[in-house]
N, C-alpha and C. Protein backbone atom coordinates (compact mmCIF):
# COMPACT_ATOMS: atom_id res chain seq x y z
N MET A 1 33.58 -97.05 11.66
CA MET A 1 33.40 -98.57 11.72
C MET A 1 31.51 -99.04 11.30
N VAL A 2 31.59 -99.46 10.46
CA VAL A 2 30.10 -99.52 10.85
C VAL A 2 29.56 -100.42 10.07
N LEU A 3 29.16 -101.72 10.10
CA LEU A 3 28.74 -103.11 9.92
C LEU A 3 27.42 -103.19 9.23
N ARG A 4 27.18 -102.69 9.12
CA ARG A 4 25.27 -102.32 8.76
C ARG A 4 24.80 -102.88 7.58
N CYS A 5 24.68 -104.18 8.55
CA CYS A 5 23.86 -105.25 6.68
C CYS A 5 25.43 -105.40 5.62
N GLN A 6 26.42 -105.17 5.34
CA GLN A 6 27.30 -105.18 4.80
C GLN A 6 28.18 -106.39 5.38
N GLU A 7 28.77 -106.98 4.42
CA GLU A 7 30.35 -107.87 5.41
C GLU A 7 31.36 -106.79 5.74
N PRO A 8 31.73 -107.12 6.86
CA PRO A 8 32.31 -106.36 7.79
C PRO A 8 34.26 -107.02 7.02
N SER A 9 35.15 -105.70 6.75
CA SER A 9 36.26 -106.15 6.54
C SER A 9 36.76 -106.51 7.54
N VAL A 10 37.65 -107.37 6.98
CA VAL A 10 38.91 -108.37 8.28
C VAL A 10 39.88 -107.40 8.82
N LEU A 11 39.83 -105.95 9.15
CA LEU A 11 40.44 -104.95 9.94
C LEU A 11 39.84 -103.67 9.92
N GLU A 12 38.89 -103.20 10.95
CA GLU A 12 38.77 -102.00 10.60
C GLU A 12 39.64 -101.32 11.31
N HIS A 13 40.02 -100.26 10.34
CA HIS A 13 40.71 -98.96 10.98
C HIS A 13 40.13 -98.07 11.87
N ALA A 14 39.13 -97.74 11.65
CA ALA A 14 38.37 -96.72 12.46
C ALA A 14 38.95 -97.15 13.95
N LYS A 15 39.41 -96.48 14.38
CA LYS A 15 40.27 -96.78 16.01
C LYS A 15 38.45 -95.91 17.06
N PHE A 16 37.95 -96.55 17.93
CA PHE A 16 37.27 -96.18 18.71
C PHE A 16 38.05 -95.61 20.20
N HIS A 17 37.67 -95.09 21.19
CA HIS A 17 38.69 -95.21 22.32
C HIS A 17 37.01 -95.62 23.30
N SER A 18 38.07 -96.47 24.04
CA SER A 18 37.09 -96.62 25.48
C SER A 18 37.87 -95.72 26.96
N GLY A 19 37.66 -95.42 27.58
CA GLY A 19 38.28 -95.00 28.83
C GLY A 19 39.44 -93.67 28.07
N ILE A 20 40.57 -94.60 28.42
CA ILE A 20 41.68 -94.00 27.74
C ILE A 20 42.31 -95.24 27.11
N LEU A 21 42.26 -96.14 26.76
CA LEU A 21 41.69 -97.45 25.62
C LEU A 21 41.19 -96.87 24.17
N ALA A 22 42.61 -96.72 23.29
CA ALA A 22 42.40 -97.04 21.62
C ALA A 22 41.76 -98.68 21.56
N PHE A 23 41.29 -98.81 20.88
CA PHE A 23 40.87 -100.60 20.00
C PHE A 23 40.91 -100.31 18.75
N GLN A 24 41.05 -101.37 18.11
CA GLN A 24 40.71 -102.00 16.72
C GLN A 24 39.80 -102.86 16.69
N ILE A 25 38.48 -102.93 15.74
CA ILE A 25 37.97 -104.28 15.90
C ILE A 25 39.07 -105.01 14.35
N LYS A 26 39.02 -106.19 14.69
CA LYS A 26 39.25 -107.48 14.03
C LYS A 26 38.51 -109.05 13.55
N PHE A 27 37.93 -109.71 13.21
CA PHE A 27 37.38 -110.35 12.80
C PHE A 27 37.30 -111.82 12.54
N THR A 28 37.87 -112.45 12.90
CA THR A 28 38.18 -114.13 12.03
C THR A 28 37.27 -114.21 11.24
N SER A 29 38.02 -115.43 10.41
CA SER A 29 37.28 -115.73 8.91
C SER A 29 35.67 -116.42 9.16
N TYR A 30 36.41 -117.34 10.48
CA TYR A 30 35.35 -118.10 11.31
C TYR A 30 33.89 -117.18 11.55
N PHE A 31 33.61 -116.08 11.67
CA PHE A 31 32.95 -114.98 12.19
C PHE A 31 32.34 -114.53 10.83
N LEU A 32 33.46 -114.28 10.15
CA LEU A 32 32.89 -113.62 8.62
C LEU A 32 31.72 -114.57 7.75
N ASN A 33 32.94 -115.79 7.84
CA ASN A 33 31.17 -116.78 7.01
C ASN A 33 30.81 -116.78 7.83
N GLN A 34 30.40 -116.31 9.17
CA GLN A 34 29.01 -116.87 10.19
C GLN A 34 28.44 -115.52 9.53
N TRP A 35 28.69 -114.37 9.23
CA TRP A 35 28.04 -113.01 9.10
C TRP A 35 27.66 -113.43 7.40
N LYS A 36 28.36 -114.20 6.50
CA LYS A 36 27.52 -113.94 5.53
C LYS A 36 25.81 -114.85 4.92
N ASP A 37 26.00 -115.44 5.81
CA ASP A 37 24.73 -116.22 6.87
C ASP A 37 23.52 -115.58 7.29
N TYR A 38 23.45 -115.03 7.76
CA TYR A 38 23.24 -114.41 8.41
C TYR A 38 21.91 -113.45 7.53
N ASP A 39 20.85 -113.69 7.59
CA ASP A 39 19.93 -112.31 7.52
C ASP A 39 20.07 -111.48 7.52
N GLU A 40 19.56 -109.93 6.99
CA GLU A 40 19.36 -108.58 7.51
C GLU A 40 18.97 -107.92 8.92
N ASP A 41 18.04 -108.63 9.76
CA ASP A 41 17.74 -108.88 10.95
C ASP A 41 18.70 -109.17 12.06
N THR A 42 19.16 -110.98 11.82
CA THR A 42 19.82 -111.10 12.65
C THR A 42 21.51 -110.17 12.12
N ARG A 43 21.52 -109.90 11.39
CA ARG A 43 22.78 -109.22 11.40
C ARG A 43 22.56 -107.54 12.33
N LYS A 44 21.60 -106.76 11.93
CA LYS A 44 21.40 -105.88 12.53
C LYS A 44 21.63 -106.08 14.47
N PHE A 45 20.77 -107.59 15.37
CA PHE A 45 20.84 -107.71 15.99
C PHE A 45 23.03 -107.36 16.55
N ILE A 46 23.09 -108.36 15.48
CA ILE A 46 24.82 -108.57 16.01
C ILE A 46 25.54 -107.13 15.55
N GLN A 47 25.39 -106.37 15.31
CA GLN A 47 25.30 -104.94 14.95
C GLN A 47 25.44 -104.03 16.30
N SER A 48 24.04 -105.28 16.62
CA SER A 48 23.79 -104.08 18.02
C SER A 48 24.56 -103.82 19.18
N LYS A 49 25.18 -105.70 19.13
CA LYS A 49 26.03 -106.20 20.15
C LYS A 49 27.34 -105.18 20.31
N ILE A 50 28.56 -105.71 18.96
CA ILE A 50 29.30 -105.39 18.71
C ILE A 50 29.47 -103.32 18.86
N ASP A 51 28.02 -103.31 18.37
CA ASP A 51 28.36 -101.30 19.43
C ASP A 51 28.28 -101.08 20.35
N LEU A 52 28.06 -102.39 21.35
CA LEU A 52 27.90 -102.15 22.88
C LEU A 52 29.67 -102.64 23.30
N ILE A 53 30.28 -103.13 22.62
CA ILE A 53 31.34 -103.88 22.75
C ILE A 53 32.62 -102.91 22.73
N LYS A 54 32.36 -102.27 21.12
CA LYS A 54 33.48 -100.63 20.95
C LYS A 54 33.26 -100.10 22.24
N GLN A 55 31.69 -99.45 22.68
CA GLN A 55 31.62 -98.33 23.88
C GLN A 55 32.37 -99.08 25.23
N ASN A 56 32.49 -100.25 25.46
CA ASN A 56 32.65 -100.13 26.34
C ASN A 56 32.88 -102.50 27.05
N PRO A 57 34.37 -102.41 26.36
CA PRO A 57 34.68 -104.24 25.85
C PRO A 57 34.98 -104.62 27.23
N PHE A 58 34.25 -104.25 28.27
CA PHE A 58 34.64 -105.24 29.79
C PHE A 58 33.06 -104.71 30.38
N ARG A 59 32.48 -104.68 29.66
CA ARG A 59 31.39 -104.72 29.80
C ARG A 59 30.39 -106.37 30.35
N PHE A 60 30.72 -107.17 29.39
CA PHE A 60 29.67 -108.45 28.69
C PHE A 60 30.72 -109.20 30.39
N PRO A 61 30.00 -110.87 30.67
CA PRO A 61 31.22 -111.63 31.28
C PRO A 61 32.51 -112.06 30.85
N LYS A 62 33.34 -112.10 31.70
CA LYS A 62 34.46 -112.85 31.08
C LYS A 62 33.78 -114.14 30.67
N HIS A 63 34.56 -115.23 29.82
CA HIS A 63 34.33 -116.61 29.53
C HIS A 63 35.17 -117.26 30.62
N GLU A 64 34.88 -118.09 31.31
CA GLU A 64 35.39 -118.80 32.57
C GLU A 64 36.87 -119.38 31.90
N GLY A 65 37.67 -118.98 32.85
CA GLY A 65 39.23 -119.91 32.46
C GLY A 65 39.74 -119.48 31.18
N TYR A 66 39.77 -118.24 30.64
CA TYR A 66 40.03 -117.39 30.30
C TYR A 66 40.67 -115.78 30.27
N ARG A 67 41.57 -115.21 31.14
CA ARG A 67 41.48 -113.36 31.06
C ARG A 67 40.70 -112.65 30.57
N PHE A 68 41.26 -112.49 29.01
CA PHE A 68 40.68 -111.16 28.50
C PHE A 68 39.29 -112.06 27.40
N VAL A 69 38.93 -113.36 27.27
CA VAL A 69 37.77 -113.48 26.53
C VAL A 69 36.23 -112.68 26.99
N PHE A 70 35.58 -112.58 26.16
CA PHE A 70 34.47 -111.66 26.68
C PHE A 70 33.09 -112.84 26.23
N LYS A 71 32.29 -112.88 26.65
CA LYS A 71 31.37 -113.40 25.70
C LYS A 71 29.65 -112.82 25.82
N VAL A 72 29.18 -112.58 24.49
CA VAL A 72 27.80 -112.06 25.10
C VAL A 72 26.35 -112.73 24.85
N LYS A 73 25.28 -112.85 25.28
CA LYS A 73 24.03 -113.72 25.53
C LYS A 73 23.40 -113.50 23.99
N LEU A 74 23.24 -113.77 23.04
CA LEU A 74 22.68 -114.30 22.14
C LEU A 74 21.85 -115.16 22.33
N SER A 75 20.16 -115.22 20.94
CA SER A 75 19.96 -116.14 20.33
C SER A 75 19.82 -115.92 19.18
N VAL A 76 20.18 -116.60 18.14
CA VAL A 76 20.62 -116.94 16.69
C VAL A 76 20.07 -118.15 16.70
N GLU A 77 18.77 -117.43 15.75
CA GLU A 77 18.08 -118.37 14.89
C GLU A 77 17.35 -119.56 15.94
N GLN A 78 16.70 -118.81 16.53
CA GLN A 78 16.20 -119.75 17.63
C GLN A 78 17.32 -120.05 18.24
N LYS A 79 18.95 -120.38 18.26
CA LYS A 79 19.64 -120.95 19.53
C LYS A 79 20.39 -120.04 20.21
N TYR A 80 20.24 -120.42 21.59
CA TYR A 80 21.02 -120.00 22.84
C TYR A 80 22.66 -120.04 22.26
N SER A 81 23.06 -119.05 21.67
CA SER A 81 24.57 -118.47 21.57
C SER A 81 25.60 -117.97 22.02
N ARG A 82 26.55 -117.56 22.01
CA ARG A 82 27.03 -116.19 22.79
C ARG A 82 27.88 -116.51 21.81
N LEU A 83 28.10 -115.16 21.38
CA LEU A 83 29.65 -114.32 20.55
C LEU A 83 30.48 -113.37 21.45
N MET A 84 31.76 -114.83 20.60
CA MET A 84 32.49 -114.48 21.87
C MET A 84 33.55 -113.25 21.15
N TYR A 85 34.17 -112.21 22.40
CA TYR A 85 35.50 -111.66 22.29
C TYR A 85 36.72 -111.67 22.51
N ALA A 86 37.45 -111.41 22.05
CA ALA A 86 39.24 -111.07 23.26
C ALA A 86 40.38 -110.02 23.25
N VAL A 87 39.60 -109.37 24.05
CA VAL A 87 40.49 -108.05 24.40
C VAL A 87 41.96 -108.34 24.39
N PHE A 88 42.59 -107.24 23.63
CA PHE A 88 44.16 -107.54 23.47
C PHE A 88 44.20 -108.72 23.32
N MET A 89 44.14 -108.56 21.73
CA MET A 89 44.69 -109.53 20.61
C MET A 89 44.08 -109.67 19.89
N PRO A 90 45.67 -109.32 18.91
CA PRO A 90 46.76 -109.74 19.12
C PRO A 90 47.70 -108.78 19.75
N ASP A 91 47.03 -108.31 20.17
CA ASP A 91 48.13 -106.70 20.30
C ASP A 91 46.90 -106.23 21.32
N GLN A 92 47.74 -105.10 22.12
CA GLN A 92 46.89 -104.30 23.20
C GLN A 92 45.63 -102.56 22.69
N GLN A 93 46.65 -103.11 21.56
CA GLN A 93 45.29 -102.16 20.18
C GLN A 93 44.15 -102.61 19.76
N HIS A 94 44.58 -104.16 19.81
CA HIS A 94 42.82 -104.80 19.06
C HIS A 94 41.85 -105.73 19.76
N ILE A 95 40.56 -105.86 19.34
CA ILE A 95 39.91 -106.99 19.84
C ILE A 95 39.33 -107.35 18.79
N THR A 96 39.47 -108.91 18.97
CA THR A 96 38.97 -109.72 17.88
C THR A 96 37.96 -111.01 18.11
N ILE A 97 37.10 -109.78 17.25
CA ILE A 97 35.90 -111.23 17.24
C ILE A 97 35.57 -112.13 16.77
N LEU A 98 36.00 -113.29 18.18
CA LEU A 98 36.09 -114.16 17.43
C LEU A 98 34.90 -114.99 16.76
N GLY A 99 33.70 -114.86 16.83
CA GLY A 99 32.84 -115.66 16.98
C GLY A 99 31.32 -116.52 17.69
N ILE A 100 30.31 -116.16 16.69
CA ILE A 100 29.56 -116.82 17.59
C ILE A 100 29.10 -118.36 17.89
N PHE A 101 28.91 -118.56 19.30
CA PHE A 101 28.71 -120.54 19.15
C PHE A 101 28.08 -120.85 19.91
N GLU A 102 27.85 -121.67 19.82
CA GLU A 102 26.06 -122.42 20.57
C GLU A 102 26.62 -123.22 21.47
N ARG A 103 25.75 -122.52 22.29
CA ARG A 103 26.03 -123.28 23.70
C ARG A 103 25.90 -124.31 23.98
N SER A 104 24.92 -125.38 23.16
CA SER A 104 24.64 -126.46 23.31
C SER A 104 26.22 -127.44 22.74
N ALA A 105 26.70 -127.24 22.15
CA ALA A 105 28.23 -127.39 21.26
C ALA A 105 29.92 -127.30 22.77
N ASP A 106 29.24 -126.73 23.33
CA ASP A 106 30.15 -126.74 24.36
C ASP A 106 31.44 -125.38 24.39
N TYR A 107 31.12 -124.87 23.50
CA TYR A 107 31.71 -124.39 22.91
C TYR A 107 33.40 -124.85 22.07
N LYS A 108 33.15 -126.08 21.33
CA LYS A 108 34.82 -126.28 20.38
C LYS A 108 34.95 -125.84 19.28
N ASP A 109 34.01 -125.25 18.76
CA ASP A 109 34.57 -124.25 17.87
C ASP A 109 35.74 -123.39 18.33
N PHE A 110 35.23 -122.81 18.87
CA PHE A 110 35.92 -121.58 20.15
C PHE A 110 37.30 -121.85 20.51
N GLU A 111 37.10 -123.26 21.16
CA GLU A 111 38.09 -123.57 21.77
C GLU A 111 39.66 -123.75 20.14
N ARG A 112 39.19 -124.39 19.53
CA ARG A 112 39.29 -125.19 18.18
C ARG A 112 40.75 -123.24 17.68
N ILE A 113 39.32 -122.54 17.91
CA ILE A 113 39.23 -121.06 17.26
C ILE A 113 40.44 -120.45 17.54
N PHE A 114 40.14 -120.35 19.34
CA PHE A 114 41.02 -119.37 20.13
C PHE A 114 42.49 -119.81 20.15
N LYS A 115 42.83 -121.29 19.57
CA LYS A 115 44.27 -121.64 19.44
C LYS A 115 44.66 -121.31 18.89
N GLU A 116 43.89 -121.30 17.19
CA GLU A 116 44.91 -121.20 16.21
C GLU A 116 45.05 -119.56 15.91
N LEU A 117 44.61 -119.00 16.78
CA LEU A 117 44.70 -117.35 17.27
C LEU A 117 46.41 -117.27 18.36
N ARG A 118 45.90 -117.75 19.09
CA ARG A 118 47.00 -117.98 19.49
C ARG A 118 48.80 -118.16 19.15
N LYS A 119 48.79 -119.46 17.87
CA LYS A 119 49.58 -119.88 17.47
C LYS A 119 50.90 -118.30 16.86
């Protein structure tokens, strides 16, 4: 599972183990579009956060009001943002990277994307 400065695939086939659970990483099209627009340094920074998620998906705080959605604090392009991901979505073997959302927008894009994925 390597994202290093290349476009990640929609579904990573490499499994990783977190304790006794094994997860696969999925990416939303929203995140993939964001990934294309970032420079190499930003991609490396985001990749380092995804590596931490792979090590322990429950290490970051939960997003308030959502049971299995977590957020990682980021400063991307000098804007305070959050990398949001859902554990056990769409099923118990997956972690879905939802995207990077600006705090100033009150996570409205996140809510829209999350509702689309829940359908």
